[in-house]
């Protein structure tokens, strides 16, 4: 019928999140969002990324997405915050797909950056 129930959706989401490519996409997305060697993404950096992928995002949209990503609410997005949020909301990885434009699959199935 082309339809799935919620339980099937959850099972598929869980399987995808455990895949090495999903984990690598999280790693690369986090790295592309931040500048310098900081261990977190600043509010300014995430706002730039959000506005880059959603040009008509309002200030409220940016604040809400930023707050969603800042799981611990400390005003910055750590790697753990980023991973926790996207693991709980795996469809949000689509927001970061434009950051992965220069990424390809190697012969062993690992995402690699092409220069």
Protein backbone atom coordinates (compact mmCIF):
# COMPACT_ATOMS: atom_id res chain seq x y z
CA UNK A 1 0.00 0.00 0.00
CA UNK A 2 3.03 2.28 0.23
CA UNK A 3 2.26 3.20 3.84
CA UNK A 4 4.06 2.44 7.06
CA UNK A 5 2.80 2.67 10.60
CA UNK A 6 4.56 4.57 13.37
CA UNK A 7 6.21 1.45 14.78
CA UNK A 8 7.73 0.66 11.36
CA UNK A 9 8.92 4.27 11.09
CA UNK A 10 10.63 4.05 14.48
CA UNK A 11 12.30 0.76 13.63
CA UNK A 12 13.62 2.17 10.34
CA UNK A 13 14.82 5.37 12.04
CA UNK A 14 16.67 3.35 14.67
CA UNK A 15 18.34 1.24 12.00
CA UNK A 16 19.42 4.33 10.01
CA UNK A 17 20.85 6.05 13.09
CA UNK A 18 23.09 3.05 13.78
CA UNK A 19 24.55 3.08 10.28
CA UNK A 20 28.16 4.28 9.95
CA UNK A 21 27.17 6.72 7.19
CA UNK A 22 24.67 8.46 9.50
CA UNK A 23 27.29 8.75 12.22
CA UNK A 24 29.84 10.10 9.73
CA UNK A 25 27.27 12.59 8.37
CA UNK A 26 26.78 13.84 11.95
CA UNK A 27 30.54 14.23 12.41
CA UNK A 28 31.03 16.09 9.14
CA UNK A 29 27.97 18.30 9.64
CA UNK A 30 29.17 19.33 13.09
CA UNK A 31 32.65 20.08 11.76
CA UNK A 32 31.26 22.17 8.89
CA UNK A 33 29.04 24.25 11.19
CA UNK A 34 31.82 25.57 13.37
CA UNK A 35 34.72 27.83 12.55
CA UNK A 36 38.16 27.59 14.03
CA UNK A 37 39.06 24.87 16.44
CA UNK A 38 36.32 25.46 18.99
CA UNK A 39 34.66 22.41 20.46
CA UNK A 40 31.19 23.88 20.02
CA UNK A 41 29.00 25.71 17.52
CA UNK A 42 28.20 29.27 18.54
CA UNK A 43 24.75 30.80 18.21
CA UNK A 44 26.09 33.04 15.43
CA UNK A 45 27.51 30.06 13.51
CA UNK A 46 24.32 28.01 13.71
CA UNK A 47 22.24 31.06 12.70
CA UNK A 48 24.43 31.46 9.60
CA UNK A 49 24.03 27.78 8.72
CA UNK A 50 20.26 27.85 9.24
CA UNK A 51 19.84 31.00 7.16
CA UNK A 52 22.06 29.48 4.48
CA UNK A 53 19.85 26.41 4.08
CA UNK A 54 16.54 28.12 4.86
CA UNK A 55 16.88 31.61 3.35
CA UNK A 56 13.43 32.76 4.48
CA UNK A 57 13.89 31.58 8.10
CA UNK A 58 12.66 34.17 10.56
CA UNK A 59 14.54 35.15 13.71
CA UNK A 60 12.01 33.05 15.64
CA UNK A 61 12.71 30.02 13.41
CA UNK A 62 16.45 30.43 13.96
CA UNK A 63 16.04 30.76 17.74
CA UNK A 64 13.77 27.71 17.93
CA UNK A 65 16.08 25.50 15.85
CA UNK A 66 19.07 26.75 17.80
CA UNK A 67 17.33 25.99 21.10
CA UNK A 68 16.42 22.52 19.83
CA UNK A 69 20.07 21.84 18.96
CA UNK A 70 21.33 23.28 22.28
CA UNK A 71 20.10 20.29 24.25
CA UNK A 72 21.65 21.36 27.58
CA UNK A 73 20.57 25.00 27.19
CA UNK A 74 23.99 26.54 27.87
CA UNK A 75 23.87 28.93 24.89
CA UNK A 76 26.24 26.96 22.67
CA UNK A 77 25.93 23.70 20.78
CA UNK A 78 28.44 21.09 21.84
CA UNK A 79 29.15 18.01 19.79
CA UNK A 80 27.14 16.01 22.33
CA UNK A 81 24.19 18.44 22.02
CA UNK A 82 24.34 18.20 18.23
CA UNK A 83 24.49 14.41 18.19
CA UNK A 84 21.78 14.01 20.84
CA UNK A 85 19.39 16.32 19.00
CA UNK A 86 19.92 14.74 15.59
CA UNK A 87 19.74 11.24 17.01
CA UNK A 88 16.37 12.08 18.57
CA UNK A 89 15.27 13.94 15.43
CA UNK A 90 17.05 12.13 12.58
CA UNK A 91 15.12 13.92 9.84
CA UNK A 92 16.83 17.17 10.88
CA UNK A 93 20.05 15.87 9.30
CA UNK A 94 18.46 17.00 6.02
CA UNK A 95 19.04 20.61 7.14
CA UNK A 96 22.76 19.98 7.03
CA UNK A 97 22.89 18.09 3.73
CA UNK A 98 23.99 21.20 1.77
CA UNK A 99 27.10 21.24 3.97
CA UNK A 100 27.97 17.80 2.68
CA UNK A 101 28.07 18.72 -1.03
CA UNK A 102 31.76 17.90 -1.42
CA UNK A 103 31.41 14.55 0.28
CA UNK A 104 31.51 11.23 -1.53
CA UNK A 105 31.33 7.56 -0.62
CA UNK A 106 34.58 5.65 -0.71
CA UNK A 107 34.74 2.10 -1.99
CA UNK A 108 34.34 0.84 1.60
CA UNK A 109 31.15 2.87 2.15
CA UNK A 110 32.71 5.61 4.28
CA UNK A 111 31.88 9.24 3.64
CA UNK A 112 34.95 11.18 2.55
CA UNK A 113 35.51 14.80 1.69
CA UNK A 114 36.60 15.52 -1.86
CA UNK A 115 38.72 18.58 -2.58
